[in-house]
Amino acid sequence: MQSKEDILDQLFELIRPHSEQPIELSEQTRLIEDVGLNSMKVMELVMQIEDHFDVSIPLNILPDVDTIGEFAKHLETLLEAR
């Protein structure tokens, strides 16, 4: 099982190339406002994360995800359920 810190580190690596500007990523970084993702980029990112972690992310959780930390929490739950 992966720790939340491991999941966060991997998410940072996957998200960083999508950022419009170089920013310091943290758990509090907001995906839309801080990273600058639009709905199309969010879907691309979700597909990359699914491939990387070999997990299916239900789209109904996306409205509840604002920050990288919230995404990591949902992802951790999904990975534990496998």
N, C-alpha and C. Protein backbone atom coordinates (compact mmCIF):
# COMPACT_ATOMS: atom_id res chain seq x y z
N MET A 1 0.85 -1.19 0.00
CA MET A 1 0.00 0.00 0.00
C MET A 1 0.89 1.24 0.00
N GLN A 2 0.47 2.23 -0.77
CA GLN A 2 1.22 3.47 -0.86
C GLN A 2 0.78 4.45 0.21
N SER A 3 1.73 5.18 0.76
CA SER A 3 1.39 6.20 1.74
C SER A 3 0.85 7.43 1.03
N LYS A 4 0.18 8.27 1.79
CA LYS A 4 -0.36 9.51 1.21
C LYS A 4 0.77 10.37 0.66
N GLU A 5 1.92 10.36 1.33
CA GLU A 5 3.06 11.15 0.86
C GLU A 5 3.56 10.64 -0.49
N ASP A 6 3.61 9.31 -0.66
CA ASP A 6 4.02 8.73 -1.94
C ASP A 6 3.03 9.12 -3.04
N ILE A 7 1.76 9.04 -2.72
CA ILE A 7 0.72 9.42 -3.69
C ILE A 7 0.86 10.88 -4.07
N LEU A 8 1.06 11.74 -3.07
CA LEU A 8 1.22 13.17 -3.35
C LEU A 8 2.43 13.43 -4.24
N ASP A 9 3.56 12.79 -3.94
CA ASP A 9 4.77 12.99 -4.75
C ASP A 9 4.52 12.61 -6.20
N GLN A 10 3.83 11.50 -6.40
CA GLN A 10 3.54 11.05 -7.76
C GLN A 10 2.55 12.00 -8.45
N LEU A 11 1.56 12.48 -7.70
CA LEU A 11 0.61 13.44 -8.26
C LEU A 11 1.33 14.73 -8.67
N PHE A 12 2.25 15.20 -7.83
CA PHE A 12 2.99 16.42 -8.16
C PHE A 12 3.72 16.24 -9.49
N GLU A 13 4.35 15.09 -9.70
CA GLU A 13 5.08 14.83 -10.93
C GLU A 13 4.15 14.77 -12.14
N LEU A 14 2.95 14.22 -11.94
CA LEU A 14 1.98 14.14 -13.04
C LEU A 14 1.34 15.48 -13.35
N ILE A 15 1.13 16.30 -12.33
CA ILE A 15 0.44 17.59 -12.49
C ILE A 15 1.38 18.68 -12.98
N ARG A 16 2.62 18.66 -12.54
CA ARG A 16 3.57 19.74 -12.85
C ARG A 16 3.61 20.11 -14.34
N PRO A 17 3.68 19.14 -15.28
CA PRO A 17 3.73 19.52 -16.70
C PRO A 17 2.47 20.22 -17.21
N HIS A 18 1.37 20.12 -16.47
CA HIS A 18 0.11 20.75 -16.89
C HIS A 18 -0.01 22.19 -16.42
N SER A 19 0.89 22.62 -15.55
CA SER A 19 0.82 23.97 -15.01
C SER A 19 1.21 24.99 -16.07
N GLU A 20 0.43 26.06 -16.15
CA GLU A 20 0.70 27.11 -17.13
C GLU A 20 1.97 27.88 -16.77
N GLN A 21 2.28 27.96 -15.49
CA GLN A 21 3.47 28.66 -15.01
C GLN A 21 4.15 27.78 -13.98
N PRO A 22 5.46 27.93 -13.83
CA PRO A 22 6.13 27.16 -12.77
C PRO A 22 5.63 27.61 -11.39
N ILE A 23 5.05 26.69 -10.64
CA ILE A 23 4.59 27.01 -9.29
C ILE A 23 5.02 25.90 -8.36
N GLU A 24 5.11 26.20 -7.08
CA GLU A 24 5.42 25.21 -6.07
C GLU A 24 4.12 24.48 -5.73
N LEU A 25 4.10 23.18 -5.97
CA LEU A 25 2.90 22.39 -5.71
C LEU A 25 2.89 21.91 -4.27
N SER A 26 1.70 21.94 -3.66
CA SER A 26 1.52 21.44 -2.30
C SER A 26 0.12 20.83 -2.21
N GLU A 27 -0.19 20.30 -1.04
CA GLU A 27 -1.53 19.73 -0.83
C GLU A 27 -2.61 20.78 -1.02
N GLN A 28 -2.31 22.04 -0.72
CA GLN A 28 -3.30 23.11 -0.80
C GLN A 28 -3.42 23.73 -2.19
N THR A 29 -2.56 23.31 -3.13
CA THR A 29 -2.62 23.85 -4.48
C THR A 29 -3.94 23.48 -5.13
N ARG A 30 -4.65 24.49 -5.63
CA ARG A 30 -5.93 24.27 -6.29
C ARG A 30 -5.70 23.95 -7.76
N LEU A 31 -6.37 22.92 -8.24
CA LEU A 31 -6.15 22.44 -9.60
C LEU A 31 -6.58 23.45 -10.66
N ILE A 32 -7.72 24.08 -10.46
CA ILE A 32 -8.23 25.02 -11.47
C ILE A 32 -7.57 26.39 -11.32
N GLU A 33 -7.68 26.98 -10.15
CA GLU A 33 -7.21 28.35 -9.95
C GLU A 33 -5.69 28.47 -9.96
N ASP A 34 -4.97 27.56 -9.28
CA ASP A 34 -3.52 27.70 -9.15
C ASP A 34 -2.74 27.05 -10.31
N VAL A 35 -3.14 25.84 -10.68
CA VAL A 35 -2.44 25.13 -11.75
C VAL A 35 -2.92 25.64 -13.11
N GLY A 36 -4.17 26.07 -13.21
CA GLY A 36 -4.70 26.62 -14.44
C GLY A 36 -5.32 25.59 -15.36
N LEU A 37 -5.81 24.50 -14.79
CA LEU A 37 -6.43 23.46 -15.60
C LEU A 37 -7.84 23.87 -16.03
N ASN A 38 -8.16 23.58 -17.28
CA ASN A 38 -9.54 23.73 -17.73
C ASN A 38 -10.17 22.34 -17.75
N SER A 39 -11.42 22.24 -18.12
CA SER A 39 -12.11 20.95 -18.03
C SER A 39 -11.46 19.88 -18.92
N MET A 40 -10.96 20.28 -20.08
CA MET A 40 -10.31 19.32 -20.97
C MET A 40 -9.00 18.82 -20.37
N LYS A 41 -8.23 19.72 -19.80
CA LYS A 41 -6.97 19.33 -19.18
C LYS A 41 -7.19 18.47 -17.93
N VAL A 42 -8.27 18.74 -17.21
CA VAL A 42 -8.60 17.91 -16.05
C VAL A 42 -8.85 16.48 -16.50
N MET A 43 -9.59 16.31 -17.60
CA MET A 43 -9.88 14.97 -18.09
C MET A 43 -8.61 14.27 -18.57
N GLU A 44 -7.72 14.99 -19.24
CA GLU A 44 -6.44 14.42 -19.66
C GLU A 44 -5.64 13.97 -18.45
N LEU A 45 -5.62 14.82 -17.42
CA LEU A 45 -4.89 14.50 -16.20
C LEU A 45 -5.48 13.27 -15.51
N VAL A 46 -6.79 13.19 -15.44
CA VAL A 46 -7.45 12.04 -14.83
C VAL A 46 -7.06 10.76 -15.56
N MET A 47 -7.03 10.80 -16.88
CA MET A 47 -6.63 9.61 -17.65
C MET A 47 -5.18 9.23 -17.37
N GLN A 48 -4.30 10.22 -17.26
CA GLN A 48 -2.90 9.93 -16.94
C GLN A 48 -2.77 9.31 -15.55
N ILE A 49 -3.52 9.85 -14.61
CA ILE A 49 -3.47 9.34 -13.23
C ILE A 49 -4.01 7.92 -13.18
N GLU A 50 -5.10 7.67 -13.90
CA GLU A 50 -5.66 6.31 -13.95
C GLU A 50 -4.63 5.33 -14.50
N ASP A 51 -3.96 5.71 -15.58
CA ASP A 51 -2.94 4.84 -16.17
C ASP A 51 -1.77 4.63 -15.22
N HIS A 52 -1.31 5.70 -14.60
CA HIS A 52 -0.16 5.63 -13.72
C HIS A 52 -0.42 4.74 -12.50
N PHE A 53 -1.58 4.92 -11.88
CA PHE A 53 -1.89 4.18 -10.65
C PHE A 53 -2.67 2.89 -10.93
N ASP A 54 -3.03 2.66 -12.19
CA ASP A 54 -3.81 1.48 -12.58
C ASP A 54 -5.09 1.38 -11.75
N VAL A 55 -5.86 2.47 -11.81
CA VAL A 55 -7.11 2.56 -11.06
C VAL A 55 -8.11 3.34 -11.90
N SER A 56 -9.39 3.08 -11.68
CA SER A 56 -10.45 3.81 -12.36
C SER A 56 -10.99 4.88 -11.41
N ILE A 57 -10.99 6.12 -11.86
CA ILE A 57 -11.45 7.23 -11.02
C ILE A 57 -12.87 7.59 -11.43
N PRO A 58 -13.84 7.41 -10.53
CA PRO A 58 -15.22 7.78 -10.87
C PRO A 58 -15.35 9.29 -11.08
N LEU A 59 -15.98 9.66 -12.17
CA LEU A 59 -16.10 11.09 -12.49
C LEU A 59 -16.96 11.85 -11.49
N ASN A 60 -17.80 11.14 -10.75
CA ASN A 60 -18.66 11.84 -9.78
C ASN A 60 -17.88 12.39 -8.59
N ILE A 61 -16.60 12.02 -8.41
CA ILE A 61 -15.82 12.61 -7.31
C ILE A 61 -15.20 13.95 -7.71
N LEU A 62 -15.10 14.22 -9.01
CA LEU A 62 -14.40 15.42 -9.47
C LEU A 62 -14.99 16.73 -8.94
N PRO A 63 -16.33 16.86 -8.83
CA PRO A 63 -16.84 18.11 -8.26
C PRO A 63 -16.40 18.35 -6.81
N ASP A 64 -16.03 17.28 -6.10
CA ASP A 64 -15.59 17.40 -4.71
C ASP A 64 -14.09 17.64 -4.58
N VAL A 65 -13.39 17.68 -5.71
CA VAL A 65 -11.93 17.81 -5.69
C VAL A 65 -11.55 19.22 -6.13
N ASP A 66 -10.98 19.97 -5.19
CA ASP A 66 -10.52 21.32 -5.50
C ASP A 66 -8.99 21.39 -5.43
N THR A 67 -8.40 20.68 -4.47
CA THR A 67 -6.95 20.76 -4.26
C THR A 67 -6.28 19.42 -4.56
N ILE A 68 -4.97 19.47 -4.69
CA ILE A 68 -4.20 18.24 -4.91
C ILE A 68 -4.35 17.32 -3.70
N GLY A 69 -4.40 17.88 -2.50
CA GLY A 69 -4.58 17.07 -1.29
C GLY A 69 -5.90 16.32 -1.29
N GLU A 70 -6.97 16.97 -1.73
CA GLU A 70 -8.27 16.31 -1.81
C GLU A 70 -8.24 15.19 -2.85
N PHE A 71 -7.56 15.43 -3.96
CA PHE A 71 -7.43 14.41 -4.99
C PHE A 71 -6.66 13.21 -4.42
N ALA A 72 -5.58 13.49 -3.70
CA ALA A 72 -4.77 12.42 -3.10
C ALA A 72 -5.59 11.59 -2.12
N LYS A 73 -6.44 12.25 -1.34
CA LYS A 73 -7.28 11.53 -0.37
C LYS A 73 -8.23 10.57 -1.08
N HIS A 74 -8.89 11.04 -2.14
CA HIS A 74 -9.79 10.17 -2.90
C HIS A 74 -9.01 9.03 -3.57
N LEU A 75 -7.85 9.35 -4.10
CA LEU A 75 -7.03 8.36 -4.76
C LEU A 75 -6.55 7.29 -3.77
N GLU A 76 -6.17 7.73 -2.59
CA GLU A 76 -5.74 6.80 -1.55
C GLU A 76 -6.87 5.81 -1.21
N THR A 77 -8.09 6.32 -1.10
CA THR A 77 -9.25 5.48 -0.81
C THR A 77 -9.48 4.47 -1.94
N LEU A 78 -9.36 4.92 -3.18
CA LEU A 78 -9.53 4.04 -4.33
C LEU A 78 -8.46 2.94 -4.37
N LEU A 79 -7.23 3.32 -4.05
CA LEU A 79 -6.14 2.35 -4.08
C LEU A 79 -6.29 1.32 -2.96
N GLU A 80 -6.77 1.74 -1.81
CA GLU A 80 -6.98 0.81 -0.69
C GLU A 80 -8.10 -0.18 -1.00
N ALA A 81 -9.07 0.24 -1.80
CA ALA A 81 -10.23 -0.62 -2.11
C ALA A 81 -9.91 -1.69 -3.14
N ARG A 82 -8.75 -1.58 -3.79
CA ARG A 82 -8.40 -2.59 -4.81
C ARG A 82 -8.14 -3.94 -4.20
